[in-house]
Amino acid sequence: MDRQIFNHCGRLGQAVLIAAFAALAQAAATAAEPSVPTVFEHPQTAEQLSTLLGPAAGALKAAAALRGDFTQRKFLRELPQPLVSSGEYFVARGLGVYWHTQKPFDGTVVLTPQAMIQRGSDGSSRRIASDQQPGLRAVGQVFDALFTLDLAQLAETFTLFGVPGEKGTWTLGLVPREPAFAKVMNRVQITGTSQPGRIVLFEGSGDRTEIDFGAVKAQQALSEADNQYFAP
């Protein structure tokens, strides 16, 4: 796993939140940032977006957890091509996010309200407790809201934007309210139908990360094995 996540963790709370985004968006590659997506020209309230997202927001709000596969492309200005990684993820409401990269290397990042844990394929593990870093507790809450489309919770951290697409698709735009956060991760774009299908993270540096999701499944309850993802 990318060790840069731990270099960020000595900063203030917003930097920890940014570092968690970076951990879930590791891998690297370059390309000029595309023009600003038109979704950011359409501000919306949480109430307006609940109508736009309709059944998707309702179904996901009722889910106890989401699991699926991901393919990730990170574009960095210094490199000619994006680096691609893939794996699986599991988001459990109230427990956190389990992000398992399987290719091209194996490693895991787990975010919980209590800590951020990075685990390597060699059995190594590093843990940063939330009481050691202000704002770390908010990390899992933000990702929980991103994946489950909790618009009220997202509105506390982001200014919201949204537009409908063709054949039941939609695009949601998020701009961080905190200036320190916005300097590093200045926009987030989510597209989907019955659930999020792609998240694009636009960084203040001009780099971006694109994450495509497949085989997404919602669960109404957690098994004992599911709870083990978040064991200390």
C-alpha atoms as a PDB file:
ATOM      1  CA  MET A   1       0.000   0.000   0.000  1.00  0.00           C
ATOM      2  CA  ASP A   2       1.052   3.543  -0.607  1.00  0.00           C
ATOM      3  CA  ARG A   3       3.026   4.824   2.416  1.00  0.00           C
ATOM      4  CA  GLN A   4       2.246   8.451   1.546  1.00  0.00           C
ATOM      5  CA  ILE A   5      -1.011   8.184   3.471  1.00  0.00           C
ATOM      6  CA  PHE A   6       0.973   8.203   6.713  1.00  0.00           C
ATOM      7  CA  ASN A   7       2.903  11.319   5.740  1.00  0.00           C
ATOM      8  CA  HIS A   8      -0.338  13.276   5.750  1.00  0.00           C
ATOM      9  CA  CYS A   9      -1.525  12.118   9.122  1.00  0.00           C
ATOM     10  CA  GLY A  10       0.580  14.529  11.145  1.00  0.00           C
ATOM     11  CA  ARG A  11      -1.413  17.476   9.861  1.00  0.00           C
ATOM     12  CA  LEU A  12      -4.698  18.946  11.025  1.00  0.00           C
ATOM     13  CA  GLY A  13      -8.050  17.168  10.890  1.00  0.00           C
ATOM     14  CA  GLN A  14      -8.858  18.157   7.322  1.00  0.00           C
ATOM     15  CA  ALA A  15      -5.529  16.778   6.199  1.00  0.00           C
ATOM     16  CA  VAL A  16      -6.388  13.435   7.759  1.00  0.00           C
ATOM     17  CA  LEU A  17      -9.620  13.383   5.805  1.00  0.00           C
ATOM     18  CA  ILE A  18      -7.661  14.164   2.655  1.00  0.00           C
ATOM     19  CA  ALA A  19      -5.155  11.435   3.470  1.00  0.00           C
ATOM     20  CA  ALA A  20      -7.924   8.888   3.744  1.00  0.00           C
ATOM     21  CA  PHE A  21      -9.159   9.840   0.293  1.00  0.00           C
ATOM     22  CA  ALA A  22      -5.621   9.337  -0.922  1.00  0.00           C
ATOM     23  CA  ALA A  23      -5.388   5.907   0.697  1.00  0.00           C
ATOM     24  CA  LEU A  24      -8.566   4.759  -0.990  1.00  0.00           C
ATOM     25  CA  ALA A  25      -7.323   6.287  -4.230  1.00  0.00           C
ATOM     26  CA  GLN A  26      -3.754   4.986  -4.328  1.00  0.00           C
ATOM     27  CA  ALA A  27      -1.963   4.078  -7.632  1.00  0.00           C
ATOM     28  CA  ALA A  28      -0.741   6.752  -9.969  1.00  0.00           C
ATOM     29  CA  ALA A  29      -0.629   8.155 -13.471  1.00  0.00           C
ATOM     30  CA  THR A  30      -0.871  11.281 -15.532  1.00  0.00           C
ATOM     31  CA  ALA A  31      -3.121  13.169 -17.778  1.00  0.00           C
ATOM     32  CA  ALA A  32      -4.316  16.706 -17.965  1.00  0.00           C
ATOM     33  CA  GLU A  33      -7.430  17.274 -15.902  1.00  0.00           C
ATOM     34  CA  PRO A  34     -10.503  17.415 -18.125  1.00  0.00           C
ATOM     35  CA  SER A  35     -12.581  20.548 -18.297  1.00  0.00           C
ATOM     36  CA  VAL A  36     -14.841  21.261 -15.326  1.00  0.00           C
ATOM     37  CA  PRO A  37     -17.878  18.961 -15.617  1.00  0.00           C
ATOM     38  CA  THR A  38     -21.145  20.759 -16.270  1.00  0.00           C
ATOM     39  CA  VAL A  39     -22.724  19.269 -13.138  1.00  0.00           C
ATOM     40  CA  PHE A  40     -20.909  21.949 -11.123  1.00  0.00           C
ATOM     41  CA  GLU A  41     -22.963  24.582 -12.910  1.00  0.00           C
ATOM     42  CA  HIS A  42     -26.135  23.238 -11.262  1.00  0.00           C
ATOM     43  CA  PRO A  43     -26.251  23.795  -7.469  1.00  0.00           C
ATOM     44  CA  GLN A  44     -28.882  21.793  -5.603  1.00  0.00           C
ATOM     45  CA  THR A  45     -30.150  21.431  -2.065  1.00  0.00           C
ATOM     46  CA  ALA A  46     -30.281  18.033  -0.366  1.00  0.00           C
ATOM     47  CA  GLU A  47     -34.056  18.102  -0.760  1.00  0.00           C
ATOM     48  CA  GLN A  48     -33.830  18.780  -4.503  1.00  0.00           C
ATOM     49  CA  LEU A  49     -31.267  16.019  -4.965  1.00  0.00           C
ATOM     50  CA  SER A  50     -33.419  13.501  -3.111  1.00  0.00           C
ATOM     51  CA  THR A  51     -36.000  13.998  -5.862  1.00  0.00           C
ATOM     52  CA  LEU A  52     -33.357  13.740  -8.593  1.00  0.00           C
ATOM     53  CA  LEU A  53     -31.801  10.567  -7.202  1.00  0.00           C
ATOM     54  CA  GLY A  54     -35.197   9.138  -6.302  1.00  0.00           C
ATOM     55  CA  PRO A  55     -35.241   5.345  -5.837  1.00  0.00           C
ATOM     56  CA  ALA A  56     -31.436   5.096  -5.672  1.00  0.00           C
ATOM     57  CA  ALA A  57     -31.138   7.256  -2.549  1.00  0.00           C
ATOM     58  CA  GLY A  58     -34.086   5.543  -0.900  1.00  0.00           C
ATOM     59  CA  ALA A  59     -32.819   2.009  -1.500  1.00  0.00           C
ATOM     60  CA  LEU A  60     -29.278   2.767  -0.419  1.00  0.00           C
ATOM     61  CA  LYS A  61     -30.404   4.645   2.662  1.00  0.00           C
ATOM     62  CA  ALA A  62     -32.174   1.499   3.852  1.00  0.00           C
ATOM     63  CA  ALA A  63     -29.140  -0.747   3.272  1.00  0.00           C
ATOM     64  CA  ALA A  64     -26.966  -1.847   6.186  1.00  0.00           C
ATOM     65  CA  ALA A  65     -23.976  -2.386   3.886  1.00  0.00           C
ATOM     66  CA  LEU A  66     -22.730  -2.275   0.302  1.00  0.00           C
ATOM     67  CA  ARG A  67     -20.110  -4.500  -1.287  1.00  0.00           C
ATOM     68  CA  GLY A  68     -18.659  -4.792  -4.755  1.00  0.00           C
ATOM     69  CA  ASP A  69     -15.615  -4.646  -7.002  1.00  0.00           C
ATOM     70  CA  PHE A  70     -13.672  -1.603  -8.117  1.00  0.00           C
ATOM     71  CA  THR A  71     -11.292  -0.621 -10.888  1.00  0.00           C
ATOM     72  CA  GLN A  72      -9.239   2.475 -10.179  1.00  0.00           C
ATOM     73  CA  ARG A  73      -7.227   4.786 -12.405  1.00  0.00           C
ATOM     74  CA  LYS A  74      -5.047   7.484 -10.912  1.00  0.00           C
ATOM     75  CA  PHE A  75      -3.881  10.248 -13.233  1.00  0.00           C
ATOM     76  CA  LEU A  76      -0.792  12.233 -12.206  1.00  0.00           C
ATOM     77  CA  ARG A  77       0.703  15.011 -14.253  1.00  0.00           C
ATOM     78  CA  GLU A  78       4.214  13.564 -14.003  1.00  0.00           C
ATOM     79  CA  LEU A  79       3.358  10.285 -15.774  1.00  0.00           C
ATOM     80  CA  PRO A  80       2.212   9.640 -19.363  1.00  0.00           C
ATOM     81  CA  GLN A  81      -0.341   6.919 -18.551  1.00  0.00           C
ATOM     82  CA  PRO A  82      -2.601   6.121 -15.609  1.00  0.00           C
ATOM     83  CA  LEU A  83      -1.753   3.282 -13.279  1.00  0.00           C
ATOM     84  CA  VAL A  84      -4.637   0.886 -12.815  1.00  0.00           C
ATOM     85  CA  SER A  85      -5.514  -1.078  -9.704  1.00  0.00           C
ATOM     86  CA  SER A  86      -8.480  -3.256  -8.833  1.00  0.00           C
ATOM     87  CA  GLY A  87      -9.993  -5.069  -5.908  1.00  0.00           C
ATOM     88  CA  GLU A  88     -13.017  -5.261  -3.654  1.00  0.00           C
ATOM     89  CA  TYR A  89     -14.661  -3.011  -1.081  1.00  0.00           C
ATOM     90  CA  PHE A  90     -17.208  -3.258   1.700  1.00  0.00           C
ATOM     91  CA  VAL A  91     -18.994  -0.303   3.328  1.00  0.00           C
ATOM     92  CA  ALA A  92     -20.950  -1.002   6.522  1.00  0.00           C
ATOM     93  CA  ARG A  93     -23.126   1.737   7.940  1.00  0.00           C
ATOM     94  CA  GLY A  94     -21.766   2.853  11.282  1.00  0.00           C
ATOM     95  CA  LEU A  95     -18.748   0.522  11.127  1.00  0.00           C
ATOM     96  CA  GLY A  96     -16.599   1.914   8.329  1.00  0.00           C
ATOM     97  CA  VAL A  97     -15.007   1.145   4.980  1.00  0.00           C
ATOM     98  CA  TYR A  98     -12.955  -1.914   4.009  1.00  0.00           C
ATOM     99  CA  TRP A  99     -10.900  -1.264   0.837  1.00  0.00           C
ATOM    100  CA  HIS A 100      -8.917  -4.256  -0.454  1.00  0.00           C
ATOM    101  CA  THR A 101      -6.590  -3.720  -3.418  1.00  0.00           C
ATOM    102  CA  GLN A 102      -5.827  -7.057  -5.111  1.00  0.00           C
ATOM    103  CA  LYS A 103      -3.979  -6.013  -8.290  1.00  0.00           C
ATOM    104  CA  PRO A 104      -1.253  -5.109  -9.118  1.00  0.00           C
ATOM    105  CA  PHE A 105      -0.363  -5.647  -5.447  1.00  0.00           C
ATOM    106  CA  ASP A 106      -2.235  -6.777  -2.365  1.00  0.00           C
ATOM    107  CA  GLY A 107      -3.053  -4.463   0.515  1.00  0.00           C
ATOM    108  CA  THR A 108      -5.928  -3.143   2.589  1.00  0.00           C
ATOM    109  CA  VAL A 109      -7.056   0.119   4.134  1.00  0.00           C
ATOM    110  CA  VAL A 110      -9.766  -0.025   6.812  1.00  0.00           C
ATOM    111  CA  LEU A 111     -11.478   3.128   8.045  1.00  0.00           C
ATOM    112  CA  THR A 112     -13.565   3.002  11.225  1.00  0.00           C
ATOM    113  CA  PRO A 113     -14.812   5.672  13.638  1.00  0.00           C
ATOM    114  CA  GLN A 114     -11.985   4.623  15.968  1.00  0.00           C
ATOM    115  CA  ALA A 115      -9.010   4.390  13.614  1.00  0.00           C
ATOM    116  CA  MET A 116      -7.479   4.062  10.174  1.00  0.00           C
ATOM    117  CA  ILE A 117      -5.649   0.755   9.659  1.00  0.00           C
ATOM    118  CA  GLN A 118      -3.323  -0.110   6.796  1.00  0.00           C
ATOM    119  CA  ARG A 119      -2.508  -3.798   6.271  1.00  0.00           C
ATOM    120  CA  GLY A 120       0.069  -5.271   3.901  1.00  0.00           C
ATOM    121  CA  SER A 121       0.146  -8.688   2.237  1.00  0.00           C
ATOM    122  CA  ASP A 122       3.150  -9.581   4.419  1.00  0.00           C
ATOM    123  CA  GLY A 123       1.040  -9.303   7.556  1.00  0.00           C
ATOM    124  CA  SER A 124       2.304  -5.845   8.520  1.00  0.00           C
ATOM    125  CA  SER A 125      -0.168  -3.396   9.975  1.00  0.00           C
ATOM    126  CA  ARG A 126      -0.181   0.282  10.915  1.00  0.00           C
ATOM    127  CA  ARG A 127      -2.910   1.912  12.963  1.00  0.00           C
ATOM    128  CA  ILE A 128      -3.726   5.568  13.576  1.00  0.00           C
ATOM    129  CA  ALA A 129      -6.281   6.136  16.331  1.00  0.00           C
ATOM    130  CA  SER A 130      -8.939   8.786  15.840  1.00  0.00           C
ATOM    131  CA  ASP A 131      -8.117  10.380  19.194  1.00  0.00           C
ATOM    132  CA  GLN A 132      -4.570  10.973  17.930  1.00  0.00           C
ATOM    133  CA  GLN A 133      -5.705  12.974  14.902  1.00  0.00           C
ATOM    134  CA  PRO A 134      -8.537  15.527  15.006  1.00  0.00           C
ATOM    135  CA  GLY A 135     -11.074  14.857  12.263  1.00  0.00           C
ATOM    136  CA  LEU A 136     -10.185  11.216  11.646  1.00  0.00           C
ATOM    137  CA  ARG A 137     -13.542  10.111  13.013  1.00  0.00           C
ATOM    138  CA  ALA A 138     -15.223  12.040  10.186  1.00  0.00           C
ATOM    139  CA  VAL A 139     -13.431  10.033   7.500  1.00  0.00           C
ATOM    140  CA  GLY A 140     -15.609   6.950   7.707  1.00  0.00           C
ATOM    141  CA  GLN A 141     -18.720   9.088   7.999  1.00  0.00           C
ATOM    142  CA  VAL A 142     -17.941  10.904   4.761  1.00  0.00           C
ATOM    143  CA  PHE A 143     -17.243   7.695   2.839  1.00  0.00           C
ATOM    144  CA  ASP A 144     -20.345   6.095   4.305  1.00  0.00           C
ATOM    145  CA  ALA A 145     -22.366   9.038   3.019  1.00  0.00           C
ATOM    146  CA  LEU A 146     -20.696   8.935  -0.408  1.00  0.00           C
ATOM    147  CA  PHE A 147     -21.491   5.284  -0.992  1.00  0.00           C
ATOM    148  CA  THR A 148     -24.979   5.303   0.528  1.00  0.00           C
ATOM    149  CA  LEU A 149     -25.976   8.721  -0.864  1.00  0.00           C
ATOM    150  CA  ASP A 150     -26.852  10.156   2.534  1.00  0.00           C
ATOM    151  CA  LEU A 151     -27.543  13.628   1.155  1.00  0.00           C
ATOM    152  CA  ALA A 152     -28.193  15.323   4.490  1.00  0.00           C
ATOM    153  CA  GLN A 153     -24.837  14.137   5.816  1.00  0.00           C
ATOM    154  CA  LEU A 154     -23.031  15.056   2.598  1.00  0.00           C
ATOM    155  CA  ALA A 155     -24.520  18.565   2.770  1.00  0.00           C
ATOM    156  CA  GLU A 156     -22.752  19.120   6.094  1.00  0.00           C
ATOM    157  CA  THR A 157     -19.334  18.715   4.422  1.00  0.00           C
ATOM    158  CA  PHE A 158     -19.950  19.648   0.783  1.00  0.00           C
ATOM    159  CA  THR A 159     -21.834  22.109  -1.388  1.00  0.00           C
ATOM    160  CA  LEU A 160     -24.098  19.937  -3.543  1.00  0.00           C
ATOM    161  CA  PHE A 161     -24.695  19.923  -7.303  1.00  0.00           C
ATOM    162  CA  GLY A 162     -26.665  17.569  -9.533  1.00  0.00           C
ATOM    163  CA  VAL A 163     -28.117  16.924 -12.987  1.00  0.00           C
ATOM    164  CA  PRO A 164     -30.234  14.124 -14.480  1.00  0.00           C
ATOM    165  CA  GLY A 165     -28.880  12.051 -17.358  1.00  0.00           C
ATOM    166  CA  GLU A 166     -30.268   9.683 -19.943  1.00  0.00           C
ATOM    167  CA  LYS A 167     -32.106   6.430 -19.176  1.00  0.00           C
ATOM    168  CA  GLY A 168     -32.376   7.006 -15.445  1.00  0.00           C
ATOM    169  CA  THR A 169     -28.771   8.038 -14.862  1.00  0.00           C
ATOM    170  CA  TRP A 170     -27.749  10.958 -12.673  1.00  0.00           C
ATOM    171  CA  THR A 171     -24.624  12.917 -11.777  1.00  0.00           C
ATOM    172  CA  LEU A 172     -23.902  14.326  -8.333  1.00  0.00           C
ATOM    173  CA  GLY A 173     -21.215  16.946  -7.708  1.00  0.00           C
ATOM    174  CA  LEU A 174     -19.585  17.754  -4.367  1.00  0.00           C
ATOM    175  CA  VAL A 175     -17.389  20.733  -3.485  1.00  0.00           C
ATOM    176  CA  PRO A 176     -15.799  20.733   0.002  1.00  0.00           C
ATOM    177  CA  ARG A 177     -16.891  23.531   2.308  1.00  0.00           C
ATOM    178  CA  GLU A 178     -13.592  23.612   4.243  1.00  0.00           C
ATOM    179  CA  PRO A 179     -10.910  25.626   2.349  1.00  0.00           C
ATOM    180  CA  ALA A 180      -8.093  23.392   3.665  1.00  0.00           C
ATOM    181  CA  PHE A 181      -9.831  20.317   2.290  1.00  0.00           C
ATOM    182  CA  ALA A 182     -10.670  22.028  -1.019  1.00  0.00           C
ATOM    183  CA  LYS A 183      -7.029  22.912  -1.683  1.00  0.00           C
ATOM    184  CA  VAL A 184      -6.179  19.234  -2.017  1.00  0.00           C
ATOM    185  CA  MET A 185      -9.450  17.562  -3.019  1.00  0.00           C
ATOM    186  CA  ASN A 186     -11.419  20.333  -4.653  1.00  0.00           C
ATOM    187  CA  ARG A 187     -14.275  18.427  -6.339  1.00  0.00           C
ATOM    188  CA  VAL A 188     -15.927  15.016  -6.282  1.00  0.00           C
ATOM    189  CA  GLN A 189     -18.203  13.765  -9.049  1.00  0.00           C
ATOM    190  CA  ILE A 190     -20.448  10.706  -8.688  1.00  0.00           C
ATOM    191  CA  THR A 191     -22.490   9.114 -11.488  1.00  0.00           C
ATOM    192  CA  GLY A 192     -24.869   6.193 -11.282  1.00  0.00           C
ATOM    193  CA  THR A 193     -28.310   4.690 -11.734  1.00  0.00           C
ATOM    194  CA  SER A 194     -29.698   2.504  -8.941  1.00  0.00           C
ATOM    195  CA  GLN A 195     -26.377   2.982  -7.082  1.00  0.00           C
ATOM    196  CA  PRO A 196     -23.124   4.899  -7.628  1.00  0.00           C
ATOM    197  CA  GLY A 197     -21.260   3.535 -10.655  1.00  0.00           C
ATOM    198  CA  ARG A 198     -18.282   5.873 -10.789  1.00  0.00           C
ATOM    199  CA  ILE A 199     -16.585   8.351  -8.467  1.00  0.00           C
ATOM    200  CA  VAL A 200     -14.070  10.897  -9.770  1.00  0.00           C
ATOM    201  CA  LEU A 201     -11.879  12.730  -7.256  1.00  0.00           C
ATOM    202  CA  PHE A 202     -10.424  15.991  -8.595  1.00  0.00           C
ATOM    203  CA  GLU A 203      -7.365  17.071  -6.628  1.00  0.00           C
ATOM    204  CA  GLY A 204      -6.177  20.626  -6.144  1.00  0.00           C
ATOM    205  CA  SER A 205      -2.903  19.727  -7.882  1.00  0.00           C
ATOM    206  CA  GLY A 206      -4.725  18.945 -11.123  1.00  0.00           C
ATOM    207  CA  ASP A 207      -4.414  15.185 -10.661  1.00  0.00           C
ATOM    208  CA  ARG A 208      -7.506  13.020 -10.498  1.00  0.00           C
ATOM    209  CA  THR A 209      -8.636   9.537  -9.521  1.00  0.00           C
ATOM    210  CA  GLU A 210     -11.400   7.645 -11.319  1.00  0.00           C
ATOM    211  CA  ILE A 211     -13.016   4.676  -9.576  1.00  0.00           C
ATOM    212  CA  ASP A 212     -15.517   2.439 -11.390  1.00  0.00           C
ATOM    213  CA  PHE A 213     -17.690   0.051  -9.394  1.00  0.00           C
ATOM    214  CA  GLY A 214     -19.082  -3.312 -10.479  1.00  0.00           C
ATOM    215  CA  ALA A 215     -21.145  -6.132  -9.010  1.00  0.00           C
ATOM    216  CA  VAL A 216     -22.547  -3.771  -6.366  1.00  0.00           C
ATOM    217  CA  LYS A 217     -24.792  -5.508  -3.855  1.00  0.00           C
ATOM    218  CA  ALA A 218     -26.769  -4.010  -0.986  1.00  0.00           C
ATOM    219  CA  GLN A 219     -27.214  -5.955   2.271  1.00  0.00           C
ATOM    220  CA  GLN A 220     -29.946  -5.483   4.822  1.00  0.00           C
ATOM    221  CA  ALA A 221     -27.956  -7.132   7.630  1.00  0.00           C
ATOM    222  CA  LEU A 222     -24.348  -7.982   8.501  1.00  0.00           C
ATOM    223  CA  SER A 223     -22.919 -11.454   9.061  1.00  0.00           C
ATOM    224  CA  GLU A 224     -20.270 -12.321  11.632  1.00  0.00           C
ATOM    225  CA  ALA A 225     -17.727 -12.516   8.800  1.00  0.00           C
ATOM    226  CA  ASP A 226     -18.680  -8.998   7.709  1.00  0.00           C
ATOM    227  CA  ASN A 227     -17.994  -7.655  11.195  1.00  0.00           C
ATOM    228  CA  GLN A 228     -14.519  -9.192  11.114  1.00  0.00           C
ATOM    229  CA  TYR A 229     -13.483  -6.755   8.385  1.00  0.00           C
ATOM    230  CA  PHE A 230     -13.425  -4.056  11.056  1.00  0.00           C
ATOM    231  CA  ALA A 231     -11.895  -6.009  13.918  1.00  0.00           C
ATOM    232  CA  PRO A 232      -8.942  -4.159  15.553  1.00  0.00           C
END
